[in-house]
Amino acid sequence: MRLAGMAKGLRAQLENPEIHTLPFEDRMALLVEAELLERVTRQLAARIRGAKLREHAALEDLDTKASRGIDRALLASLATCQ
């Protein structure tokens, strides 16, 4: 089984002496969450590579100076996709 996220999460738990105060169910939930996050991150990275985008742009990098005429509130609203 490929559970790299769980393995990383377990190593992190073993390095943290305070983790033993949590019940087993909570520790297991943290491991499952770490695995899910690892898989989602890996899938997103694969999709980005597969898209072969020419630019690695992010909405946060957009210049919203007044001279460009971009409404920050409208941009923030559009960013939520609602």
C-alpha atoms as a PDB file:
ATOM      1  CA  MET A   1       0.000   0.000   0.000  1.00  0.00           C
ATOM      2  CA  ARG A   2       1.272   3.423  -0.871  1.00  0.00           C
ATOM      3  CA  LEU A   3       0.634   5.472   2.238  1.00  0.00           C
ATOM      4  CA  ALA A   4       3.407   8.055   2.105  1.00  0.00           C
ATOM      5  CA  GLY A   5       1.276  10.681   3.832  1.00  0.00           C
ATOM      6  CA  MET A   6       0.540   8.377   6.733  1.00  0.00           C
ATOM      7  CA  ALA A   7       4.207   7.438   7.011  1.00  0.00           C
ATOM      8  CA  LYS A   8       5.207  11.113   7.171  1.00  0.00           C
ATOM      9  CA  GLY A   9       2.462  11.773   9.694  1.00  0.00           C
ATOM     10  CA  LEU A  10       3.575   8.868  11.866  1.00  0.00           C
ATOM     11  CA  ARG A  11       7.182  10.084  11.818  1.00  0.00           C
ATOM     12  CA  ALA A  12       5.966  13.531  12.853  1.00  0.00           C
ATOM     13  CA  GLN A  13       3.900  12.003  15.657  1.00  0.00           C
ATOM     14  CA  LEU A  14       6.837   9.955  16.908  1.00  0.00           C
ATOM     15  CA  GLU A  15       8.984  13.097  17.073  1.00  0.00           C
ATOM     16  CA  ASN A  16       6.354  14.953  19.098  1.00  0.00           C
ATOM     17  CA  PRO A  17       6.352  13.840  22.765  1.00  0.00           C
ATOM     18  CA  GLU A  18       3.021  15.587  23.445  1.00  0.00           C
ATOM     19  CA  ILE A  19       1.166  13.422  20.907  1.00  0.00           C
ATOM     20  CA  HIS A  20       0.822  10.618  23.470  1.00  0.00           C
ATOM     21  CA  THR A  21      -1.672  12.722  25.401  1.00  0.00           C
ATOM     22  CA  LEU A  22      -4.169  12.309  22.541  1.00  0.00           C
ATOM     23  CA  PRO A  23      -6.422   9.273  22.387  1.00  0.00           C
ATOM     24  CA  PHE A  24      -5.711   6.643  19.730  1.00  0.00           C
ATOM     25  CA  GLU A  25      -8.725   7.701  17.636  1.00  0.00           C
ATOM     26  CA  ASP A  26      -7.468  11.281  17.409  1.00  0.00           C
ATOM     27  CA  ARG A  27      -3.957  10.167  16.475  1.00  0.00           C
ATOM     28  CA  MET A  28      -5.365   7.863  13.810  1.00  0.00           C
ATOM     29  CA  ALA A  29      -7.553  10.682  12.479  1.00  0.00           C
ATOM     30  CA  LEU A  30      -4.445  12.856  12.154  1.00  0.00           C
ATOM     31  CA  LEU A  31      -2.720  10.099  10.159  1.00  0.00           C
ATOM     32  CA  VAL A  32      -5.708   9.682   7.836  1.00  0.00           C
ATOM     33  CA  GLU A  33      -5.889  13.453   7.356  1.00  0.00           C
ATOM     34  CA  ALA A  34      -2.154  13.573   6.540  1.00  0.00           C
ATOM     35  CA  GLU A  35      -2.633  10.843   3.928  1.00  0.00           C
ATOM     36  CA  LEU A  36      -5.602  12.633   2.371  1.00  0.00           C
ATOM     37  CA  LEU A  37      -3.679  15.911   2.223  1.00  0.00           C
ATOM     38  CA  GLU A  38      -0.709  14.144   0.603  1.00  0.00           C
ATOM     39  CA  ARG A  39      -2.942  12.588  -2.064  1.00  0.00           C
ATOM     40  CA  VAL A  40      -4.767  15.827  -2.845  1.00  0.00           C
ATOM     41  CA  THR A  41      -1.470  17.706  -3.092  1.00  0.00           C
ATOM     42  CA  ARG A  42       0.015  15.044  -5.363  1.00  0.00           C
ATOM     43  CA  GLN A  43      -3.079  15.043  -7.626  1.00  0.00           C
ATOM     44  CA  LEU A  44      -3.059  18.835  -7.889  1.00  0.00           C
ATOM     45  CA  ALA A  45       0.644  18.852  -8.775  1.00  0.00           C
ATOM     46  CA  ALA A  46       0.012  16.236 -11.478  1.00  0.00           C
ATOM     47  CA  ARG A  47      -2.853  18.269 -12.930  1.00  0.00           C
ATOM     48  CA  ILE A  48      -0.752  21.418 -13.001  1.00  0.00           C
ATOM     49  CA  ARG A  49       2.076  19.556 -14.752  1.00  0.00           C
ATOM     50  CA  GLY A  50      -0.397  17.995 -17.186  1.00  0.00           C
ATOM     51  CA  ALA A  51      -1.871  21.375 -18.061  1.00  0.00           C
ATOM     52  CA  LYS A  52       1.549  22.467 -19.359  1.00  0.00           C
ATOM     53  CA  LEU A  53       0.902  26.069 -18.435  1.00  0.00           C
ATOM     54  CA  ARG A  54       3.371  28.552 -19.815  1.00  0.00           C
ATOM     55  CA  GLU A  55       3.140  30.803 -16.785  1.00  0.00           C
ATOM     56  CA  HIS A  56       3.102  29.868 -13.120  1.00  0.00           C
ATOM     57  CA  ALA A  57       0.730  32.658 -12.140  1.00  0.00           C
ATOM     58  CA  ALA A  58      -1.347  33.072  -9.007  1.00  0.00           C
ATOM     59  CA  LEU A  59      -4.242  35.375  -8.301  1.00  0.00           C
ATOM     60  CA  GLU A  60      -2.336  36.751  -5.315  1.00  0.00           C
ATOM     61  CA  ASP A  61       0.414  37.965  -7.652  1.00  0.00           C
ATOM     62  CA  LEU A  62      -1.947  40.162  -9.687  1.00  0.00           C
ATOM     63  CA  ASP A  63      -1.047  43.845  -9.561  1.00  0.00           C
ATOM     64  CA  THR A  64      -4.150  45.693  -8.326  1.00  0.00           C
ATOM     65  CA  LYS A  65      -2.769  49.211  -8.306  1.00  0.00           C
ATOM     66  CA  ALA A  66      -5.321  51.956  -8.922  1.00  0.00           C
ATOM     67  CA  SER A  67      -3.776  52.861 -12.288  1.00  0.00           C
ATOM     68  CA  ARG A  68      -4.741  49.442 -13.731  1.00  0.00           C
ATOM     69  CA  GLY A  69      -8.430  49.922 -12.941  1.00  0.00           C
ATOM     70  CA  ILE A  70      -8.912  46.572 -11.214  1.00  0.00           C
ATOM     71  CA  ASP A  71     -11.510  46.559  -8.440  1.00  0.00           C
ATOM     72  CA  ARG A  72     -10.027  44.659  -5.491  1.00  0.00           C
ATOM     73  CA  ALA A  73     -13.433  43.858  -3.986  1.00  0.00           C
ATOM     74  CA  LEU A  74     -14.693  42.450  -7.287  1.00  0.00           C
ATOM     75  CA  LEU A  75     -11.507  40.429  -7.710  1.00  0.00           C
ATOM     76  CA  ALA A  76     -11.875  38.982  -4.195  1.00  0.00           C
ATOM     77  CA  SER A  77     -15.497  38.108  -4.932  1.00  0.00           C
ATOM     78  CA  LEU A  78     -14.560  36.370  -8.191  1.00  0.00           C
ATOM     79  CA  ALA A  79     -11.790  34.467  -6.419  1.00  0.00           C
ATOM     80  CA  THR A  80     -14.347  32.735  -4.184  1.00  0.00           C
ATOM     81  CA  CYS A  81     -16.097  31.305  -7.294  1.00  0.00           C
ATOM     82  CA  GLN A  82     -19.515  32.107  -5.872  1.00  0.00           C
END
